[in-house]
N, C-alpha and C. Protein backbone atom coordinates (compact mmCIF):
# COMPACT_ATOMS: atom_id res chain seq x y z
N MET A 1 -18.29 43.80 56.44
CA MET A 1 -19.58 43.28 56.80
C MET A 1 -19.68 43.20 58.21
N LYS A 2 -20.67 43.78 58.53
CA LYS A 2 -21.14 43.64 60.19
C LYS A 2 -22.37 42.94 60.26
N PRO A 3 -22.46 42.03 61.11
CA PRO A 3 -21.55 41.39 61.86
C PRO A 3 -20.54 40.51 60.64
N GLU A 4 -19.48 40.16 61.12
CA GLU A 4 -18.49 39.44 60.49
C GLU A 4 -18.95 38.03 60.50
N VAL A 5 -18.18 37.49 59.29
CA VAL A 5 -18.62 35.91 59.13
C VAL A 5 -18.31 35.09 60.27
N ASP A 6 -17.22 35.11 60.94
CA ASP A 6 -16.96 34.26 62.14
C ASP A 6 -18.03 34.42 63.35
N GLN A 7 -18.47 35.62 63.25
CA GLN A 7 -19.68 36.08 64.23
C GLN A 7 -20.92 35.37 63.98
N ILE A 8 -21.23 35.33 62.88
CA ILE A 8 -22.49 34.78 62.11
C ILE A 8 -22.21 33.30 62.49
N LEU A 9 -21.18 32.63 62.01
CA LEU A 9 -21.13 31.31 62.37
C LEU A 9 -21.05 31.00 63.73
N GLY A 10 -20.44 31.51 64.67
CA GLY A 10 -20.34 31.36 66.05
C GLY A 10 -21.69 31.44 66.74
N LEU A 11 -22.53 32.62 66.13
CA LEU A 11 -23.88 32.76 66.87
C LEU A 11 -24.82 31.58 66.20
N SER A 12 -24.57 31.27 64.94
CA SER A 12 -25.49 30.07 64.64
C SER A 12 -25.09 28.65 65.12
N ALA A 13 -23.82 28.59 65.39
CA ALA A 13 -23.31 27.15 65.91
C ALA A 13 -23.99 27.27 67.32
N GLY A 14 -24.03 28.31 67.98
CA GLY A 14 -24.54 28.35 69.52
C GLY A 14 -25.89 27.96 69.49
N GLN A 15 -26.84 28.51 68.53
CA GLN A 15 -28.29 28.41 68.35
C GLN A 15 -28.43 26.92 67.96
N LEU A 16 -27.60 26.36 67.05
CA LEU A 16 -27.83 24.81 66.62
C LEU A 16 -27.45 24.07 67.66
N THR A 17 -26.40 24.22 68.39
CA THR A 17 -26.15 23.11 69.46
C THR A 17 -26.88 23.35 70.80
N GLY A 18 -27.18 24.61 71.17
CA GLY A 18 -27.79 24.98 72.27
C GLY A 18 -29.23 25.05 72.44
N THR A 19 -29.94 25.28 71.26
CA THR A 19 -31.46 25.60 71.24
C THR A 19 -32.15 24.42 70.39
N ILE A 20 -31.46 24.34 68.99
CA ILE A 20 -32.24 23.51 68.21
C ILE A 20 -31.89 21.92 68.32
N ALA A 21 -30.70 21.55 68.51
CA ALA A 21 -30.50 20.08 68.79
C ALA A 21 -30.85 19.59 69.86
N PRO A 22 -31.37 20.04 70.79
CA PRO A 22 -31.97 19.50 72.00
C PRO A 22 -33.50 19.14 71.83
N LEU A 23 -34.10 19.80 70.86
CA LEU A 23 -35.38 19.81 70.45
C LEU A 23 -35.71 18.81 69.47
N LEU A 24 -34.86 18.43 68.80
CA LEU A 24 -34.83 17.32 67.77
C LEU A 24 -35.23 15.91 68.35
N PRO A 25 -36.11 15.11 67.68
CA PRO A 25 -36.86 14.07 67.91
C PRO A 25 -36.05 12.99 68.26
N THR A 26 -34.74 12.71 67.65
CA THR A 26 -34.03 11.50 67.87
C THR A 26 -32.51 11.72 68.22
N VAL A 27 -32.09 10.80 68.80
CA VAL A 27 -30.60 10.88 69.17
C VAL A 27 -29.65 11.32 68.10
N PHE A 28 -29.96 10.59 67.13
CA PHE A 28 -29.14 10.82 65.69
C PHE A 28 -29.20 12.10 65.18
N ALA A 29 -30.40 12.56 65.16
CA ALA A 29 -30.84 14.03 64.64
C ALA A 29 -30.12 15.06 65.68
N GLN A 30 -30.08 14.90 66.84
CA GLN A 30 -29.41 15.72 67.76
C GLN A 30 -27.94 15.64 67.77
N GLY A 31 -27.50 14.67 67.49
CA GLY A 31 -25.98 14.26 67.31
C GLY A 31 -25.36 15.08 66.10
N SER A 32 -26.24 14.90 64.97
CA SER A 32 -26.10 15.53 63.64
C SER A 32 -25.99 16.89 63.82
N ALA A 33 -26.82 17.52 64.31
CA ALA A 33 -26.99 18.82 64.64
C ALA A 33 -25.94 19.55 65.41
N SER A 34 -25.70 18.83 66.53
CA SER A 34 -24.44 19.14 67.33
C SER A 34 -23.07 19.09 66.61
N LEU A 35 -22.91 18.14 65.76
CA LEU A 35 -21.73 18.10 65.05
C LEU A 35 -21.57 19.00 64.02
N LEU A 36 -22.71 19.49 63.31
CA LEU A 36 -22.76 20.76 62.59
C LEU A 36 -22.46 21.89 63.21
N GLY A 37 -22.81 22.11 64.48
CA GLY A 37 -22.60 23.17 65.28
C GLY A 37 -21.10 23.38 65.60
N PHE A 38 -20.50 22.29 65.94
CA PHE A 38 -19.09 22.09 66.23
C PHE A 38 -18.44 22.64 64.90
N MET A 39 -18.72 22.12 63.84
CA MET A 39 -17.99 22.26 62.55
C MET A 39 -18.06 23.90 62.32
N MET A 40 -19.28 24.42 62.42
CA MET A 40 -19.51 25.70 62.28
C MET A 40 -18.53 26.44 63.23
N MET A 41 -18.29 26.16 64.58
CA MET A 41 -17.36 26.83 65.38
C MET A 41 -16.07 26.64 64.97
N PHE A 42 -15.64 25.62 64.29
CA PHE A 42 -14.36 25.49 63.78
C PHE A 42 -14.15 26.36 62.57
N ALA A 43 -15.08 26.45 61.82
CA ALA A 43 -15.21 27.18 60.48
C ALA A 43 -14.83 28.78 60.81
N ALA A 44 -15.67 29.20 61.88
CA ALA A 44 -15.58 30.64 62.25
C ALA A 44 -14.17 30.90 62.99
N GLN A 45 -13.50 29.89 63.57
CA GLN A 45 -12.30 30.16 64.10
C GLN A 45 -11.17 30.32 62.85
N GLU A 46 -11.52 29.32 61.76
CA GLU A 46 -10.46 29.27 60.63
C GLU A 46 -10.69 30.56 59.68
N TYR A 47 -12.21 30.99 59.90
CA TYR A 47 -12.30 32.27 58.91
C TYR A 47 -11.20 33.35 59.25
N ASP A 48 -11.35 33.75 60.65
CA ASP A 48 -10.50 34.91 61.38
C ASP A 48 -9.16 34.59 60.87
N ARG A 49 -8.49 33.40 60.88
CA ARG A 49 -6.93 33.28 60.92
C ARG A 49 -6.56 32.69 59.66
N ALA A 50 -7.30 32.39 58.55
CA ALA A 50 -6.97 31.80 57.37
C ALA A 50 -5.93 32.28 56.62
N ALA A 51 -6.02 33.47 56.20
CA ALA A 51 -5.03 34.08 55.50
C ALA A 51 -3.75 34.42 56.23
N ASP A 52 -3.83 34.35 57.54
CA ASP A 52 -2.59 34.77 58.34
C ASP A 52 -1.79 33.44 58.56
N ILE A 53 -2.48 32.39 58.60
CA ILE A 53 -1.87 30.95 58.73
C ILE A 53 -0.96 30.84 57.24
N ARG A 54 -1.55 30.96 56.15
CA ARG A 54 -1.20 30.67 54.93
C ARG A 54 0.02 31.50 54.49
N VAL A 55 -0.27 32.76 54.78
CA VAL A 55 0.91 33.68 54.65
C VAL A 55 2.24 33.34 55.34
N ALA A 56 1.95 33.21 56.45
CA ALA A 56 3.10 32.72 57.43
C ALA A 56 3.72 31.36 56.89
N GLU A 57 2.81 30.46 56.59
CA GLU A 57 3.53 29.15 56.22
C GLU A 57 4.06 29.18 54.82
N ASN A 58 3.38 30.10 54.11
CA ASN A 58 4.04 30.21 52.61
C ASN A 58 5.64 31.12 52.86
N GLY A 59 5.69 31.97 53.80
CA GLY A 59 6.81 32.75 54.13
C GLY A 59 7.79 31.57 54.82
N ASP A 60 7.50 30.80 55.58
CA ASP A 60 8.53 29.77 56.25
C ASP A 60 9.16 28.95 55.27
N LEU A 61 8.17 28.52 54.24
CA LEU A 61 8.82 27.60 53.09
C LEU A 61 9.56 28.21 52.35
N ARG A 62 9.30 29.58 51.86
CA ARG A 62 10.27 30.33 50.95
C ARG A 62 11.68 30.56 51.76
N ALA A 63 11.43 30.90 53.03
CA ALA A 63 12.82 31.17 53.79
C ALA A 63 13.69 29.86 53.76
N LEU A 64 13.04 28.72 53.99
CA LEU A 64 13.66 27.32 53.94
C LEU A 64 14.44 27.09 52.56
N PHE A 65 13.57 27.43 51.54
CA PHE A 65 14.06 27.23 50.12
C PHE A 65 15.30 28.07 50.06
N ARG A 66 15.41 29.35 50.51
CA ARG A 66 16.55 30.17 50.39
C ARG A 66 17.84 29.66 51.13
N GLU A 67 17.35 29.02 52.32
CA GLU A 67 18.54 28.32 53.19
C GLU A 67 19.15 27.30 52.44
N ALA A 68 18.14 26.36 51.92
CA ALA A 68 18.56 25.18 51.46
C ALA A 68 19.27 25.10 50.10
N ALA A 69 18.92 26.15 49.24
CA ALA A 69 19.46 26.07 47.93
C ALA A 69 20.83 26.11 47.82
N PRO A 70 21.80 26.83 48.67
CA PRO A 70 23.09 26.59 48.48
C PRO A 70 23.70 25.25 48.99
N LEU A 71 22.91 24.57 49.68
CA LEU A 71 23.45 23.30 50.28
C LEU A 71 23.18 22.20 49.41
N VAL A 72 22.31 22.33 48.42
CA VAL A 72 21.83 21.20 47.58
C VAL A 72 22.62 21.13 46.37
N GLY A 73 23.11 19.95 45.98
CA GLY A 73 24.01 19.51 44.99
C GLY A 73 23.28 19.44 43.77
N ASP A 74 22.04 18.95 43.78
CA ASP A 74 21.08 18.55 42.46
C ASP A 74 20.96 19.93 41.90
N HIS A 75 21.26 20.20 40.60
CA HIS A 75 21.14 21.38 39.93
C HIS A 75 19.75 21.71 39.56
N ASP A 76 18.87 20.67 39.37
CA ASP A 76 17.39 21.03 39.00
C ASP A 76 16.64 21.39 40.18
N LEU A 77 17.04 20.68 41.35
CA LEU A 77 16.52 21.13 42.53
C LEU A 77 16.77 22.35 43.05
N LYS A 78 18.04 22.70 42.97
CA LYS A 78 18.79 24.02 43.33
C LYS A 78 17.79 25.23 42.70
N ILE A 79 17.64 24.98 41.33
CA ILE A 79 16.94 26.03 40.44
C ILE A 79 15.35 26.17 40.94
N ALA A 80 14.87 24.91 41.25
CA ALA A 80 13.44 24.84 41.60
C ALA A 80 13.55 25.70 43.23
N LEU A 81 14.34 25.49 43.91
CA LEU A 81 14.41 26.12 45.39
C LEU A 81 14.39 27.52 45.13
N SER A 82 15.34 28.01 44.28
CA SER A 82 15.70 29.44 44.13
C SER A 82 14.57 30.00 43.54
N ARG A 83 13.99 29.42 42.46
CA ARG A 83 12.69 30.12 41.85
C ARG A 83 11.47 30.14 42.89
N ALA A 84 11.31 28.95 43.65
CA ALA A 84 10.39 29.06 44.59
C ALA A 84 10.35 30.07 45.68
N ALA A 85 11.59 30.11 46.15
CA ALA A 85 11.93 31.33 47.23
C ALA A 85 11.73 32.52 46.75
N GLU A 86 11.79 32.79 45.60
CA GLU A 86 11.51 34.19 44.90
C GLU A 86 10.04 34.58 44.58
N THR A 87 9.08 33.58 44.67
CA THR A 87 7.73 33.69 44.38
C THR A 87 7.06 34.51 45.65
N ARG A 88 5.95 35.33 45.26
CA ARG A 88 5.34 36.08 46.30
C ARG A 88 3.92 35.77 46.24
N ASP A 89 3.06 36.02 47.37
CA ASP A 89 1.71 36.06 47.34
C ASP A 89 1.02 37.34 46.84
N ASP A 90 0.58 37.18 45.79
CA ASP A 90 0.04 38.33 45.05
C ASP A 90 -1.36 38.70 45.64
N SER A 91 -1.92 37.86 46.29
CA SER A 91 -3.33 38.07 46.71
C SER A 91 -3.50 37.34 48.25
N LEU A 92 -4.39 37.95 48.95
CA LEU A 92 -4.71 37.30 50.30
C LEU A 92 -5.91 36.66 50.26
N LYS A 93 -6.53 36.30 49.00
CA LYS A 93 -7.60 35.34 48.95
C LYS A 93 -7.04 34.21 49.38
N VAL A 94 -7.75 33.36 50.18
CA VAL A 94 -7.45 32.08 50.80
C VAL A 94 -7.15 31.02 49.57
N SER A 95 -7.98 31.15 48.64
CA SER A 95 -7.94 30.30 47.39
C SER A 95 -6.63 30.40 46.72
N MET A 96 -6.26 31.64 46.48
CA MET A 96 -4.96 32.00 46.00
C MET A 96 -3.66 31.53 46.89
N LEU A 97 -3.75 31.75 48.21
CA LEU A 97 -2.83 31.27 49.27
C LEU A 97 -2.72 30.02 49.04
N ASP A 98 -3.85 29.15 48.93
CA ASP A 98 -3.77 27.49 49.04
C ASP A 98 -3.16 27.10 47.79
N THR A 99 -3.26 27.82 46.68
CA THR A 99 -2.58 27.34 45.19
C THR A 99 -1.17 27.59 45.47
N ALA A 100 -0.87 28.69 46.00
CA ALA A 100 0.65 28.85 46.24
C ALA A 100 1.37 27.77 46.98
N ASN A 101 0.54 27.55 48.10
CA ASN A 101 1.11 26.59 49.15
C ASN A 101 1.17 25.14 48.47
N VAL A 102 0.31 24.80 47.76
CA VAL A 102 0.36 23.52 47.26
C VAL A 102 1.88 23.59 46.13
N GLU A 103 1.98 24.62 45.53
CA GLU A 103 3.27 24.49 44.68
C GLU A 103 4.38 24.57 45.45
N LEU A 104 4.46 25.21 46.63
CA LEU A 104 5.64 25.27 47.40
C LEU A 104 5.76 24.02 48.23
N ARG A 105 4.63 23.26 48.52
CA ARG A 105 4.71 21.86 48.99
C ARG A 105 5.15 20.89 48.19
N ARG A 106 5.18 21.00 46.99
CA ARG A 106 5.72 20.24 45.90
C ARG A 106 7.09 20.32 45.82
N VAL A 107 7.57 21.31 45.93
CA VAL A 107 9.10 21.59 46.06
C VAL A 107 9.50 21.09 47.46
N LEU A 108 8.80 21.28 48.38
CA LEU A 108 9.31 20.76 49.91
C LEU A 108 9.62 19.26 49.66
N ILE A 109 8.45 18.71 49.08
CA ILE A 109 8.70 17.17 49.05
C ILE A 109 10.01 16.75 48.20
N ARG A 110 10.13 17.43 47.21
CA ARG A 110 11.44 17.18 46.40
C ARG A 110 12.51 17.39 47.51
N LEU A 111 12.64 18.52 48.11
CA LEU A 111 13.70 18.98 48.90
C LEU A 111 14.02 17.75 50.14
N GLN A 112 12.90 17.38 50.74
CA GLN A 112 12.84 16.45 51.85
C GLN A 112 13.47 15.08 51.35
N VAL A 113 12.98 14.78 50.26
CA VAL A 113 13.50 13.53 49.51
C VAL A 113 14.99 13.56 49.34
N HIS A 114 15.41 14.60 48.77
CA HIS A 114 16.91 14.93 48.64
C HIS A 114 17.61 14.82 49.81
N ALA A 115 17.07 15.51 50.88
CA ALA A 115 17.83 15.70 52.22
C ALA A 115 17.92 14.26 52.83
N GLU A 116 17.05 13.44 52.83
CA GLU A 116 16.87 12.12 53.31
C GLU A 116 17.66 11.14 52.61
N ASP A 117 17.55 11.29 51.23
CA ASP A 117 18.53 10.29 50.20
C ASP A 117 20.11 10.71 50.53
N ASN A 118 20.43 11.92 50.93
CA ASN A 118 21.67 12.37 50.89
C ASN A 118 22.30 12.52 52.52
N THR A 119 21.27 12.07 53.27
CA THR A 119 21.72 11.95 54.79
C THR A 119 22.20 13.39 55.30
N MET A 120 21.26 14.45 54.97
CA MET A 120 21.36 15.77 55.23
C MET A 120 20.70 16.17 56.44
N ARG A 121 21.30 15.55 57.57
CA ARG A 121 20.38 15.49 58.95
C ARG A 121 20.04 16.93 59.36
N ALA A 122 20.87 17.89 59.22
CA ALA A 122 20.43 19.35 59.71
C ALA A 122 19.56 19.90 58.76
N LEU A 123 19.47 19.60 57.64
CA LEU A 123 18.40 20.00 56.64
C LEU A 123 17.13 19.27 56.94
N GLU A 124 17.18 17.99 57.15
CA GLU A 124 15.96 17.33 57.53
C GLU A 124 15.40 17.95 58.92
N ARG A 125 16.12 18.31 59.82
CA ARG A 125 15.62 18.74 60.98
C ARG A 125 14.93 20.11 60.85
N ARG A 126 15.55 20.92 59.94
CA ARG A 126 15.02 22.23 59.59
C ARG A 126 13.58 22.09 58.82
N ILE A 127 13.71 21.08 57.97
CA ILE A 127 12.43 20.81 57.36
C ILE A 127 11.38 20.49 58.27
N TRP A 128 11.73 19.62 59.17
CA TRP A 128 10.55 19.30 60.17
C TRP A 128 10.16 20.36 61.21
N ASP A 129 11.23 21.18 61.33
CA ASP A 129 10.89 22.58 62.26
C ASP A 129 9.45 23.39 61.53
N VAL A 130 9.80 23.44 60.19
CA VAL A 130 8.73 24.24 59.53
C VAL A 130 7.59 23.60 59.38
N LEU A 131 7.51 22.15 59.37
CA LEU A 131 6.25 21.36 59.20
C LEU A 131 5.60 21.26 60.64
N ARG A 132 6.46 21.26 61.71
CA ARG A 132 5.89 21.42 63.08
C ARG A 132 5.22 22.71 63.30
N ALA A 133 5.72 23.69 62.85
CA ALA A 133 5.22 25.29 62.87
C ALA A 133 4.04 25.26 62.10
N SER A 134 3.93 24.53 61.03
CA SER A 134 2.80 24.81 60.23
C SER A 134 1.53 24.01 60.91
N ALA A 135 1.79 22.80 61.32
CA ALA A 135 0.87 21.95 62.22
C ALA A 135 0.44 22.68 63.42
N GLU A 136 1.17 23.28 64.13
CA GLU A 136 0.69 23.94 65.36
C GLU A 136 -0.03 25.33 64.81
N ARG A 137 0.27 26.02 63.84
CA ARG A 137 -0.62 27.11 63.52
C ARG A 137 -1.89 26.65 63.01
N ARG A 138 -2.16 25.33 62.33
CA ARG A 138 -3.34 25.01 61.98
C ARG A 138 -4.09 24.20 62.94
N LEU A 139 -3.61 24.06 64.08
CA LEU A 139 -4.46 23.26 65.14
C LEU A 139 -5.70 24.02 65.32
N LEU A 140 -7.02 23.23 65.55
CA LEU A 140 -8.08 23.80 65.88
C LEU A 140 -8.40 23.60 67.41
N ARG A 141 -8.67 24.90 68.12
CA ARG A 141 -8.72 24.90 69.59
C ARG A 141 -10.29 24.71 69.81
N LEU A 142 -10.63 24.00 70.91
CA LEU A 142 -11.94 24.23 71.59
C LEU A 142 -12.18 25.13 72.53
N ALA A 143 -11.58 26.43 72.38
CA ALA A 143 -11.87 27.53 73.20
C ALA A 143 -11.74 28.78 72.58
């Protein structure tokens, strides 16, 4: 599609915040229009990078699970980690990547509880590294 969705959202956001909002009769309406414009700019940014973020995040979680499985004593958790590590993203649709991410995060929560309950500090640090990388990738930037 030309222009792309992110370009359409960006242009629309610019018109809304720069042209339409100042013409609205009340401060509330101007603020609401400006807020919508900023949300559209963030949506444009997210559109361009959404699949990339999710594929990287899902890959990081699977790599963590491959590393952690041999360290975990709990048999059921070890099986869950091994199974989750072997899953693949069959589609680049954001909705499908998000579904996979939710399932991977359920396993991550179990792993984190296990690491904390068993004082596995190195594993806890590795989990936090993955979470930190995820948060940094998902940051919205104002530029």
